[in-house]
Amino acid sequence: MLVIGFPTGPLQANCYLLAADVGEPCLIVDPGQGATEPIAAALREHRLSPVAVLLTHGHFDHCFSVAPVCDGNDVPAWVHPDDRWMLSDPMRGMGAQSRAMFGGSLELREPREVRELADGAELDLAGLRLTVDHSPGHTGGSVMFRTGTEEGGRLVLAGDTLFAGSIGRTDLPGGDHAAMLTSLRTKVLTMADDTVVLPGHGPTTTIGRERAGNPFLVDLGDGDAPAPPRRGL
């Protein structure tokens, strides 16, 4: 599997391109601010043809460029219905600091074609098979995408649910700390240790590494984990 990742925008949200190999169809995950040009460059360099854009959640630092990327390549966007409203009304999902960054106003729109994700759905796209895990907490419609096989090569696109050494903040509109703890227990900690984690911000990690050393996961064994630090919006 070919995986290309790079941070975008002032909040350094990770955008990913996934394909079976060079010269094949591909998926684009979380095209954030300033993602249009580096995505186009990666498509040219690796001779990739996009077939869909997948969104881990609706915050603008992850979907700022979704309309131009989707409509420019004539592909649909996939998002959980609980976060779809943020594609056209991003200010409702922002914290005060992020709203101030844009002077209290930011106009976006949905792509021409939007398809909705459901928990447990199996997506067959670009020659890849992905499982959708609804993981509310950071937002109501946060999801993770798992792919790979039991024989190896497993990875998860975790969005802002899980980071290396941390988890997503839950103090923004739509955030829910109790729901985050449930998602961590039932969706994250049930994955195999060798699963590679491609997070929404920061470096790559593994489930095993986070199970052993991430204080927010370790603390789940002794009761409720503390509130996460502010990261992202």
Foldseek 3Di string as FASTA:
>chain_A
DDKDWFFDDPQRFIWIWDAPAQLFEIEIEFQAHPNPVVVVVVCVVRVYQYAEYEYQAQARRRCVCVQVVCQVRVHEYEFAPQRPVCQAVNLQFDDPVVCVVVPNDDGGDHHPHYHYDDAQDWDCPNNWIWGWHQQAALANGGIKIWTDDPVDDIEIAREQLDDQQFGAAQPTVRHDQVSSLVSCVPPLQVDDQRYWYNYRHDDIDTSVNCCPHRQCNVCVVVPHGDGTDHGGD
